[in-house]
Amino acid sequence: MRKIILFIALTVTSLTSYAQKFEIGGTANFWRNTDRNTTFFEVAPELTYELTEKWGIGASVGYSQNRQNNGDVQLEKEYKIAPYARYTYFDKEIISLFIDGGIGLSKVKSEYKDEFETKTGFEAGFRPGVAIKVAGRFKFISKIGFLGYQKNYPYPGKSFGLSLSGENIAVGFAYMF
């Protein structure tokens, strides 16, 4: 019993001896297609807490809306939450490379004419990324690709693998405090 208490005390001490930092940031997207009369927007704020120089935990919460109006209005609203653990494997003064491993949960509500449909989605996998310090407490962050499993997230069906397409590149910012 003493060994367990000593182990927990040493673990807590080592984690709290590092000057922890919070990072708040996220991404935002807006796209308008005039030919199809479609408007899409998404906002996904993100909060990360650095436990040590190498490890952090965080979560992204997102909302997106896709509206198409070709006589009949078709509307999709998506809500997401994606907690993750971040491992930074390369860190120099200006640039750092990391990998986020986590899960994502989503709920999509669709309405077309008088029909309503709700789908839930799930993903588990890894997203590599890069962070570039641009000024003082500001960072430019980009997550590139996805390796893992997805079900109805964001598209219908089950899928797995490695995707390095342009659809899996997220670019955002972070403020450290």
N, C-alpha and C. Protein backbone atom coordinates (compact mmCIF):
# COMPACT_ATOMS: atom_id res chain seq x y z
N MET A 1 0.82 -1.19 0.00
CA MET A 1 0.00 0.00 0.00
C MET A 1 0.87 1.26 0.00
N ARG A 2 1.96 1.24 0.79
CA ARG A 2 2.85 2.40 0.83
C ARG A 2 3.48 2.66 -0.53
N LYS A 3 3.82 1.58 -1.25
CA LYS A 3 4.44 1.73 -2.56
C LYS A 3 3.46 2.39 -3.55
N ILE A 4 2.19 2.02 -3.48
CA ILE A 4 1.19 2.61 -4.36
C ILE A 4 1.03 4.09 -4.06
N ILE A 5 0.93 4.46 -2.79
CA ILE A 5 0.78 5.86 -2.40
C ILE A 5 2.02 6.65 -2.80
N LEU A 6 3.21 6.08 -2.62
CA LEU A 6 4.44 6.74 -3.02
C LEU A 6 4.49 6.94 -4.53
N PHE A 7 4.08 5.92 -5.28
CA PHE A 7 4.06 6.01 -6.74
C PHE A 7 3.11 7.12 -7.20
N ILE A 8 1.92 7.18 -6.63
CA ILE A 8 0.95 8.23 -6.99
C ILE A 8 1.50 9.60 -6.63
N ALA A 9 2.13 9.74 -5.46
CA ALA A 9 2.68 11.02 -5.04
C ALA A 9 3.80 11.47 -5.98
N LEU A 10 4.68 10.54 -6.37
CA LEU A 10 5.76 10.89 -7.30
C LEU A 10 5.22 11.25 -8.68
N THR A 11 4.20 10.55 -9.14
CA THR A 11 3.59 10.85 -10.44
C THR A 11 2.97 12.24 -10.43
N VAL A 12 2.20 12.55 -9.42
CA VAL A 12 1.56 13.87 -9.32
C VAL A 12 2.62 14.95 -9.22
N THR A 13 3.67 14.72 -8.44
CA THR A 13 4.74 15.71 -8.29
C THR A 13 5.46 15.95 -9.61
N SER A 14 5.74 14.88 -10.35
CA SER A 14 6.45 15.07 -11.62
C SER A 14 5.58 15.79 -12.65
N LEU A 15 4.28 15.52 -12.64
CA LEU A 15 3.39 16.20 -13.58
C LEU A 15 3.19 17.67 -13.21
N THR A 16 3.13 17.96 -11.92
CA THR A 16 2.89 19.35 -11.51
C THR A 16 4.16 20.17 -11.48
N SER A 17 5.34 19.54 -11.55
CA SER A 17 6.58 20.32 -11.56
C SER A 17 6.79 21.01 -12.91
N TYR A 18 6.18 20.54 -13.95
CA TYR A 18 6.27 21.17 -15.27
C TYR A 18 5.30 22.35 -15.30
N ALA A 19 5.74 23.47 -15.84
CA ALA A 19 4.87 24.65 -15.92
C ALA A 19 3.85 24.42 -17.03
N GLN A 20 2.69 23.94 -16.64
CA GLN A 20 1.66 23.60 -17.62
C GLN A 20 1.18 24.83 -18.36
N LYS A 21 0.74 24.58 -19.59
CA LYS A 21 0.22 25.65 -20.43
C LYS A 21 -1.10 25.21 -21.05
N PHE A 22 -1.96 26.15 -21.21
CA PHE A 22 -3.17 25.93 -21.99
C PHE A 22 -2.96 26.55 -23.36
N GLU A 23 -3.56 25.93 -24.35
CA GLU A 23 -3.62 26.50 -25.68
C GLU A 23 -5.07 26.52 -26.10
N ILE A 24 -5.52 27.64 -26.58
CA ILE A 24 -6.87 27.72 -27.11
C ILE A 24 -6.74 28.12 -28.58
N GLY A 25 -7.51 27.48 -29.41
CA GLY A 25 -7.41 27.75 -30.83
C GLY A 25 -8.57 27.11 -31.57
N GLY A 26 -8.31 26.74 -32.80
CA GLY A 26 -9.34 26.07 -33.57
C GLY A 26 -9.29 26.44 -35.03
N THR A 27 -10.34 26.02 -35.73
CA THR A 27 -10.44 26.27 -37.16
C THR A 27 -11.83 26.80 -37.49
N ALA A 28 -11.92 27.46 -38.63
CA ALA A 28 -13.20 27.95 -39.14
C ALA A 28 -13.18 27.84 -40.65
N ASN A 29 -14.29 27.44 -41.24
CA ASN A 29 -14.41 27.29 -42.68
C ASN A 29 -15.71 27.93 -43.16
N PHE A 30 -15.64 28.50 -44.35
CA PHE A 30 -16.83 29.02 -45.01
C PHE A 30 -16.66 28.77 -46.50
N TRP A 31 -17.70 28.23 -47.14
CA TRP A 31 -17.64 27.97 -48.57
C TRP A 31 -19.01 28.23 -49.19
N ARG A 32 -19.02 28.97 -50.29
CA ARG A 32 -20.25 29.29 -51.01
C ARG A 32 -20.10 28.83 -52.45
N ASN A 33 -21.03 27.99 -52.92
CA ASN A 33 -21.06 27.53 -54.31
C ASN A 33 -22.28 28.15 -54.96
N THR A 34 -22.07 29.14 -55.81
CA THR A 34 -23.20 29.85 -56.41
C THR A 34 -23.89 29.01 -57.49
N ASP A 35 -23.17 28.11 -58.17
CA ASP A 35 -23.80 27.27 -59.19
C ASP A 35 -24.82 26.31 -58.58
N ARG A 36 -24.50 25.75 -57.42
CA ARG A 36 -25.41 24.79 -56.77
C ARG A 36 -26.25 25.45 -55.68
N ASN A 37 -26.04 26.77 -55.47
CA ASN A 37 -26.74 27.52 -54.44
C ASN A 37 -26.56 26.85 -53.07
N THR A 38 -25.31 26.57 -52.75
CA THR A 38 -24.97 25.86 -51.52
C THR A 38 -24.08 26.74 -50.66
N THR A 39 -24.35 26.75 -49.36
CA THR A 39 -23.53 27.47 -48.40
C THR A 39 -23.13 26.50 -47.29
N PHE A 40 -21.83 26.47 -46.99
CA PHE A 40 -21.30 25.61 -45.93
C PHE A 40 -20.47 26.47 -45.00
N PHE A 41 -20.64 26.26 -43.69
CA PHE A 41 -19.73 26.87 -42.73
C PHE A 41 -19.51 25.92 -41.58
N GLU A 42 -18.35 26.08 -40.96
CA GLU A 42 -17.97 25.21 -39.84
C GLU A 42 -17.11 26.02 -38.88
N VAL A 43 -17.30 25.80 -37.61
CA VAL A 43 -16.45 26.38 -36.58
C VAL A 43 -16.11 25.26 -35.60
N ALA A 44 -14.81 25.17 -35.24
CA ALA A 44 -14.36 24.09 -34.36
C ALA A 44 -13.30 24.61 -33.39
N PRO A 45 -13.72 25.20 -32.27
CA PRO A 45 -12.74 25.63 -31.26
C PRO A 45 -12.08 24.42 -30.60
N GLU A 46 -10.86 24.63 -30.11
CA GLU A 46 -10.07 23.54 -29.55
C GLU A 46 -9.33 24.04 -28.32
N LEU A 47 -9.24 23.20 -27.30
CA LEU A 47 -8.51 23.52 -26.07
C LEU A 47 -7.55 22.38 -25.78
N THR A 48 -6.27 22.73 -25.55
CA THR A 48 -5.25 21.74 -25.24
C THR A 48 -4.56 22.13 -23.94
N TYR A 49 -4.30 21.14 -23.09
CA TYR A 49 -3.60 21.35 -21.83
C TYR A 49 -2.32 20.53 -21.89
N GLU A 50 -1.17 21.20 -21.78
CA GLU A 50 0.11 20.52 -21.82
C GLU A 50 0.43 19.95 -20.44
N LEU A 51 0.53 18.62 -20.36
CA LEU A 51 0.89 17.97 -19.10
C LEU A 51 2.39 18.03 -18.86
N THR A 52 3.16 17.75 -19.91
CA THR A 52 4.62 17.82 -19.87
C THR A 52 5.07 18.47 -21.18
N GLU A 53 6.39 18.52 -21.38
CA GLU A 53 6.91 19.06 -22.63
C GLU A 53 6.52 18.20 -23.82
N LYS A 54 6.30 16.92 -23.60
CA LYS A 54 5.99 15.99 -24.69
C LYS A 54 4.51 15.65 -24.79
N TRP A 55 3.77 15.67 -23.70
CA TRP A 55 2.39 15.17 -23.68
C TRP A 55 1.39 16.26 -23.35
N GLY A 56 0.24 16.17 -24.01
CA GLY A 56 -0.87 17.07 -23.75
C GLY A 56 -2.19 16.36 -23.97
N ILE A 57 -3.24 16.90 -23.43
CA ILE A 57 -4.59 16.38 -23.66
C ILE A 57 -5.46 17.54 -24.12
N GLY A 58 -6.47 17.22 -24.89
CA GLY A 58 -7.32 18.29 -25.38
C GLY A 58 -8.59 17.78 -25.99
N ALA A 59 -9.37 18.70 -26.51
CA ALA A 59 -10.62 18.35 -27.18
C ALA A 59 -11.00 19.45 -28.14
N SER A 60 -11.65 19.03 -29.21
CA SER A 60 -12.20 19.95 -30.19
C SER A 60 -13.71 19.75 -30.19
N VAL A 61 -14.43 20.85 -30.23
CA VAL A 61 -15.89 20.82 -30.31
C VAL A 61 -16.27 21.57 -31.57
N GLY A 62 -17.10 20.97 -32.40
CA GLY A 62 -17.40 21.61 -33.67
C GLY A 62 -18.87 21.65 -34.03
N TYR A 63 -19.20 22.62 -34.84
CA TYR A 63 -20.54 22.76 -35.41
C TYR A 63 -20.38 23.13 -36.87
N SER A 64 -21.14 22.45 -37.73
CA SER A 64 -21.13 22.82 -39.14
C SER A 64 -22.55 22.78 -39.69
N GLN A 65 -22.75 23.55 -40.75
CA GLN A 65 -24.06 23.60 -41.39
C GLN A 65 -23.85 23.66 -42.89
N ASN A 66 -24.60 22.82 -43.60
CA ASN A 66 -24.55 22.79 -45.06
C ASN A 66 -25.98 23.00 -45.55
N ARG A 67 -26.18 24.06 -46.32
CA ARG A 67 -27.54 24.39 -46.79
C ARG A 67 -27.52 24.51 -48.31
N GLN A 68 -28.43 23.78 -48.94
CA GLN A 68 -28.58 23.83 -50.39
C GLN A 68 -30.01 24.22 -50.70
N ASN A 69 -30.16 25.19 -51.63
CA ASN A 69 -31.49 25.68 -51.97
C ASN A 69 -31.65 25.70 -53.49
N ASN A 70 -32.18 24.61 -54.03
CA ASN A 70 -32.51 24.52 -55.46
C ASN A 70 -34.01 24.35 -55.60
N GLY A 71 -34.76 25.29 -55.08
CA GLY A 71 -36.22 25.18 -55.07
C GLY A 71 -36.68 24.59 -53.75
N ASP A 72 -36.13 23.44 -53.38
CA ASP A 72 -36.39 22.82 -52.08
C ASP A 72 -35.14 22.97 -51.22
N VAL A 73 -35.32 23.37 -49.99
CA VAL A 73 -34.18 23.58 -49.10
C VAL A 73 -33.77 22.26 -48.47
N GLN A 74 -32.49 21.95 -48.59
CA GLN A 74 -31.91 20.78 -47.92
C GLN A 74 -30.90 21.31 -46.91
N LEU A 75 -31.04 20.91 -45.65
CA LEU A 75 -30.21 21.45 -44.58
C LEU A 75 -29.61 20.31 -43.77
N GLU A 76 -28.29 20.38 -43.54
CA GLU A 76 -27.60 19.43 -42.67
C GLU A 76 -26.85 20.20 -41.59
N LYS A 77 -27.06 19.78 -40.34
CA LYS A 77 -26.34 20.37 -39.21
C LYS A 77 -25.57 19.25 -38.54
N GLU A 78 -24.28 19.51 -38.25
CA GLU A 78 -23.45 18.49 -37.63
C GLU A 78 -22.83 19.04 -36.35
N TYR A 79 -22.87 18.24 -35.30
CA TYR A 79 -22.27 18.56 -34.01
C TYR A 79 -21.19 17.52 -33.75
N LYS A 80 -19.98 17.96 -33.33
CA LYS A 80 -18.87 17.05 -33.10
C LYS A 80 -18.19 17.33 -31.78
N ILE A 81 -17.63 16.28 -31.20
CA ILE A 81 -16.71 16.41 -30.07
C ILE A 81 -15.61 15.38 -30.31
N ALA A 82 -14.37 15.81 -30.12
CA ALA A 82 -13.23 14.94 -30.42
C ALA A 82 -12.13 15.13 -29.38
N PRO A 83 -12.15 14.37 -28.29
CA PRO A 83 -11.04 14.42 -27.32
C PRO A 83 -9.82 13.68 -27.87
N TYR A 84 -8.63 14.11 -27.45
CA TYR A 84 -7.40 13.49 -27.95
C TYR A 84 -6.27 13.62 -26.93
N ALA A 85 -5.23 12.83 -27.15
CA ALA A 85 -3.96 12.95 -26.45
C ALA A 85 -2.93 13.37 -27.50
N ARG A 86 -2.10 14.33 -27.16
CA ARG A 86 -1.10 14.84 -28.11
C ARG A 86 0.30 14.47 -27.62
N TYR A 87 1.09 13.90 -28.54
CA TYR A 87 2.49 13.60 -28.27
C TYR A 87 3.35 14.44 -29.21
N THR A 88 4.22 15.27 -28.65
CA THR A 88 5.13 16.11 -29.43
C THR A 88 6.47 15.39 -29.50
N TYR A 89 6.85 14.96 -30.69
CA TYR A 89 8.07 14.18 -30.84
C TYR A 89 9.24 15.00 -31.37
N PHE A 90 9.03 16.22 -31.80
CA PHE A 90 10.10 17.10 -32.25
C PHE A 90 9.72 18.52 -31.87
N ASP A 91 10.60 19.20 -31.14
CA ASP A 91 10.28 20.55 -30.68
C ASP A 91 11.54 21.41 -30.68
N LYS A 92 11.56 22.37 -31.57
CA LYS A 92 12.63 23.38 -31.59
C LYS A 92 11.98 24.72 -31.24
N GLU A 93 12.74 25.78 -31.26
CA GLU A 93 12.21 27.08 -30.83
C GLU A 93 10.98 27.51 -31.62
N ILE A 94 11.00 27.35 -32.92
CA ILE A 94 9.92 27.87 -33.76
C ILE A 94 8.95 26.79 -34.21
N ILE A 95 9.43 25.59 -34.46
CA ILE A 95 8.59 24.55 -35.06
C ILE A 95 8.54 23.32 -34.15
N SER A 96 7.38 22.69 -34.12
CA SER A 96 7.24 21.42 -33.42
C SER A 96 6.34 20.50 -34.24
N LEU A 97 6.65 19.21 -34.16
CA LEU A 97 5.87 18.18 -34.83
C LEU A 97 5.20 17.32 -33.78
N PHE A 98 3.93 16.97 -34.01
CA PHE A 98 3.17 16.22 -33.02
C PHE A 98 2.24 15.23 -33.71
N ILE A 99 1.66 14.37 -32.90
CA ILE A 99 0.62 13.46 -33.39
C ILE A 99 -0.49 13.43 -32.35
N ASP A 100 -1.72 13.60 -32.82
CA ASP A 100 -2.89 13.53 -31.96
C ASP A 100 -3.54 12.16 -32.14
N GLY A 101 -3.76 11.47 -31.05
CA GLY A 101 -4.47 10.20 -31.08
C GLY A 101 -5.75 10.35 -30.29
N GLY A 102 -6.87 10.04 -30.90
CA GLY A 102 -8.12 10.25 -30.18
C GLY A 102 -9.31 9.63 -30.86
N ILE A 103 -10.46 10.02 -30.35
CA ILE A 103 -11.74 9.56 -30.89
C ILE A 103 -12.58 10.78 -31.23
N GLY A 104 -13.56 10.57 -32.08
CA GLY A 104 -14.48 11.63 -32.42
C GLY A 104 -15.90 11.10 -32.47
N LEU A 105 -16.82 11.87 -31.98
CA LEU A 105 -18.24 11.52 -32.01
C LEU A 105 -18.99 12.65 -32.71
N SER A 106 -19.95 12.29 -33.55
CA SER A 106 -20.71 13.32 -34.26
C SER A 106 -22.17 12.93 -34.35
N LYS A 107 -23.00 13.94 -34.53
CA LYS A 107 -24.43 13.75 -34.77
C LYS A 107 -24.81 14.68 -35.91
N VAL A 108 -25.39 14.11 -36.96
CA VAL A 108 -25.81 14.89 -38.13
C VAL A 108 -27.33 14.86 -38.20
N LYS A 109 -27.91 16.04 -38.27
CA LYS A 109 -29.36 16.17 -38.42
C LYS A 109 -29.63 16.72 -39.81
N SER A 110 -30.37 15.96 -40.61
CA SER A 110 -30.69 16.37 -41.98
C SER A 110 -32.18 16.61 -42.10
N GLU A 111 -32.52 17.64 -42.87
CA GLU A 111 -33.93 17.86 -43.19
C GLU A 111 -34.06 18.23 -44.66
N TYR A 112 -35.01 17.58 -45.29
CA TYR A 112 -35.30 17.82 -46.70
C TYR A 112 -36.81 17.72 -46.87
N LYS A 113 -37.40 18.81 -47.31
CA LYS A 113 -38.86 18.95 -47.38
C LYS A 113 -39.41 18.69 -45.99
N ASP A 114 -40.25 17.67 -45.82
CA ASP A 114 -40.82 17.37 -44.50
C ASP A 114 -40.17 16.13 -43.89
N GLU A 115 -39.03 15.70 -44.40
CA GLU A 115 -38.37 14.50 -43.89
C GLU A 115 -37.17 14.90 -43.03
N PHE A 116 -37.02 14.21 -41.90
CA PHE A 116 -35.93 14.46 -40.98
C PHE A 116 -35.17 13.16 -40.75
N GLU A 117 -33.85 13.25 -40.69
CA GLU A 117 -33.01 12.08 -40.45
C GLU A 117 -31.87 12.48 -39.52
N THR A 118 -31.53 11.58 -38.60
CA THR A 118 -30.43 11.81 -37.68
C THR A 118 -29.48 10.63 -37.76
N LYS A 119 -28.18 10.92 -37.93
CA LYS A 119 -27.15 9.88 -37.96
C LYS A 119 -26.08 10.22 -36.94
N THR A 120 -25.56 9.18 -36.30
CA THR A 120 -24.43 9.38 -35.40
C THR A 120 -23.18 8.81 -36.06
N GLY A 121 -22.05 9.40 -35.77
CA GLY A 121 -20.79 8.97 -36.36
C GLY A 121 -19.73 8.77 -35.30
N PHE A 122 -18.69 8.04 -35.68
CA PHE A 122 -17.60 7.70 -34.76
C PHE A 122 -16.30 7.59 -35.55
N GLU A 123 -15.20 8.03 -34.94
CA GLU A 123 -13.89 7.80 -35.52
C GLU A 123 -12.89 7.55 -34.40
N ALA A 124 -11.85 6.79 -34.72
CA ALA A 124 -10.74 6.55 -33.81
C ALA A 124 -9.48 6.48 -34.65
N GLY A 125 -8.47 7.25 -34.28
CA GLY A 125 -7.26 7.23 -35.08
C GLY A 125 -6.27 8.30 -34.69
N PHE A 126 -5.35 8.56 -35.62
CA PHE A 126 -4.24 9.46 -35.40
C PHE A 126 -4.20 10.55 -36.47
N ARG A 127 -3.83 11.76 -36.05
CA ARG A 127 -3.67 12.88 -36.96
C ARG A 127 -2.30 13.52 -36.68
N PRO A 128 -1.36 13.41 -37.62
CA PRO A 128 -0.08 14.10 -37.43
C PRO A 128 -0.25 15.59 -37.69
N GLY A 129 0.63 16.38 -37.08
CA GLY A 129 0.51 17.81 -37.25
C GLY A 129 1.81 18.56 -37.05
N VAL A 130 1.76 19.84 -37.37
CA VAL A 130 2.89 20.73 -37.21
C VAL A 130 2.40 22.03 -36.57
N ALA A 131 3.20 22.58 -35.67
CA ALA A 131 2.90 23.86 -35.03
C ALA A 131 4.08 24.80 -35.26
N ILE A 132 3.79 26.01 -35.72
CA ILE A 132 4.83 27.01 -35.98
C ILE A 132 4.52 28.24 -35.15
N LYS A 133 5.45 28.61 -34.29
CA LYS A 133 5.27 29.82 -33.47
C LYS A 133 5.50 31.03 -34.36
N VAL A 134 4.49 31.88 -34.45
CA VAL A 134 4.59 33.04 -35.34
C VAL A 134 4.89 34.33 -34.60
N ALA A 135 4.41 34.47 -33.38
CA ALA A 135 4.68 35.68 -32.61
C ALA A 135 4.27 35.47 -31.16
N GLY A 136 5.19 35.69 -30.26
CA GLY A 136 4.88 35.63 -28.84
C GLY A 136 4.15 34.36 -28.44
N ARG A 137 2.88 34.50 -28.13
CA ARG A 137 2.07 33.38 -27.67
C ARG A 137 1.20 32.75 -28.76
N PHE A 138 1.36 33.17 -30.00
CA PHE A 138 0.54 32.66 -31.10
C PHE A 138 1.26 31.57 -31.87
N LYS A 139 0.50 30.54 -32.25
CA LYS A 139 1.00 29.43 -33.06
C LYS A 139 0.08 29.24 -34.26
N PHE A 140 0.68 28.88 -35.35
CA PHE A 140 -0.04 28.42 -36.54
C PHE A 140 0.00 26.89 -36.47
N ILE A 141 -1.16 26.23 -36.53
CA ILE A 141 -1.22 24.77 -36.38
C ILE A 141 -1.90 24.17 -37.60
N SER A 142 -1.32 23.07 -38.08
CA SER A 142 -1.91 22.34 -39.19
C SER A 142 -1.88 20.85 -38.88
N LYS A 143 -3.01 20.19 -39.06
CA LYS A 143 -3.09 18.74 -38.92
C LYS A 143 -3.26 18.17 -40.32
N ILE A 144 -2.42 17.20 -40.64
CA ILE A 144 -2.32 16.71 -42.00
C ILE A 144 -2.65 15.23 -42.05
N GLY A 145 -3.79 14.89 -42.61
CA GLY A 145 -4.14 13.49 -42.81
C GLY A 145 -4.83 12.83 -41.64
N PHE A 146 -5.12 11.54 -41.82
CA PHE A 146 -5.79 10.74 -40.81
C PHE A 146 -5.44 9.28 -41.03
N LEU A 147 -5.13 8.56 -39.96
CA LEU A 147 -4.89 7.13 -39.99
C LEU A 147 -5.80 6.50 -38.95
N GLY A 148 -6.77 5.70 -39.38
CA GLY A 148 -7.67 5.10 -38.42
C GLY A 148 -8.94 4.57 -39.04
N TYR A 149 -10.00 4.55 -38.21
CA TYR A 149 -11.30 3.97 -38.56
C TYR A 149 -12.37 5.05 -38.42
N GLN A 150 -13.32 5.06 -39.36
CA GLN A 150 -14.45 5.99 -39.30
C GLN A 150 -15.74 5.27 -39.66
N LYS A 151 -16.80 5.62 -38.95
CA LYS A 151 -18.14 5.12 -39.27
C LYS A 151 -19.08 6.31 -39.27
N ASN A 152 -19.63 6.62 -40.46
CA ASN A 152 -20.53 7.77 -40.65
C ASN A 152 -19.89 9.06 -40.15
N TYR A 153 -18.58 9.21 -40.35
CA TYR A 153 -17.85 10.36 -39.82
C TYR A 153 -16.86 10.83 -40.86
N PRO A 154 -17.04 11.77 -41.65
CA PRO A 154 -18.23 12.59 -41.82
C PRO A 154 -19.17 12.04 -42.89
N TYR A 155 -18.73 11.02 -43.64
CA TYR A 155 -19.54 10.49 -44.74
C TYR A 155 -20.17 9.16 -44.34
N PRO A 156 -21.32 8.80 -44.93
CA PRO A 156 -21.99 7.54 -44.60
C PRO A 156 -21.10 6.33 -44.90
N GLY A 157 -21.22 5.32 -44.05
CA GLY A 157 -20.48 4.07 -44.26
C GLY A 157 -19.32 3.91 -43.31
N LYS A 158 -18.73 2.71 -43.37
CA LYS A 158 -17.56 2.38 -42.56
C LYS A 158 -16.32 2.44 -43.44
N SER A 159 -15.23 2.98 -42.88
CA SER A 159 -14.00 3.05 -43.64
C SER A 159 -12.81 3.03 -42.69
N PHE A 160 -11.66 2.61 -43.21
CA PHE A 160 -10.43 2.65 -42.43
C PHE A 160 -9.26 2.80 -43.39
N GLY A 161 -8.13 3.25 -42.85
CA GLY A 161 -6.95 3.38 -43.67
C GLY A 161 -6.21 4.67 -43.40
N LEU A 162 -5.38 5.04 -44.36
CA LEU A 162 -4.59 6.25 -44.31
C LEU A 162 -5.09 7.19 -45.39
N SER A 163 -5.40 8.42 -45.01
CA SER A 163 -5.87 9.42 -45.97
C SER A 163 -5.01 10.66 -45.85
N LEU A 164 -4.36 11.01 -46.94
CA LEU A 164 -3.56 12.23 -46.99
C LEU A 164 -4.11 13.20 -48.02
N SER A 165 -5.41 13.11 -48.28
CA SER A 165 -6.04 13.98 -49.28
C SER A 165 -6.22 15.39 -48.72
N GLY A 166 -6.53 16.30 -49.62
CA GLY A 166 -6.76 17.69 -49.23
C GLY A 166 -7.93 17.86 -48.29
N GLU A 167 -8.86 16.90 -48.26
CA GLU A 167 -10.01 16.99 -47.35
C GLU A 167 -9.60 16.73 -45.91
N ASN A 168 -8.42 16.16 -45.68
CA ASN A 168 -7.97 15.85 -44.33
C ASN A 168 -6.85 16.77 -43.86
N ILE A 169 -6.83 17.98 -44.36
CA ILE A 169 -5.87 18.97 -43.89
C ILE A 169 -6.64 20.05 -43.15
N ALA A 170 -6.29 20.26 -41.91
CA ALA A 170 -6.91 21.31 -41.10
C ALA A 170 -5.86 22.35 -40.77
N VAL A 171 -6.20 23.60 -40.95
CA VAL A 171 -5.29 24.69 -40.67
C VAL A 171 -5.97 25.61 -39.68
N GLY A 172 -5.25 25.98 -38.62
CA GLY A 172 -5.85 26.83 -37.61
C GLY A 172 -4.79 27.62 -36.85
N PHE A 173 -5.16 28.08 -35.69
CA PHE A 173 -4.27 28.89 -34.87
C PHE A 173 -4.42 28.45 -33.42
N ALA A 174 -3.49 28.90 -32.59
CA ALA A 174 -3.58 28.63 -31.15
C ALA A 174 -2.97 29.81 -30.40
N TYR A 175 -3.53 30.09 -29.24
CA TYR A 175 -2.98 31.11 -28.33
C TYR A 175 -2.63 30.41 -27.04
N MET A 176 -1.37 30.55 -26.60
CA MET A 176 -0.90 29.91 -25.38
C MET A 176 -1.06 30.85 -24.20
N PHE A 177 -1.56 30.30 -23.10
CA PHE A 177 -1.61 31.10 -21.86
C PHE A 177 -1.38 30.23 -20.67
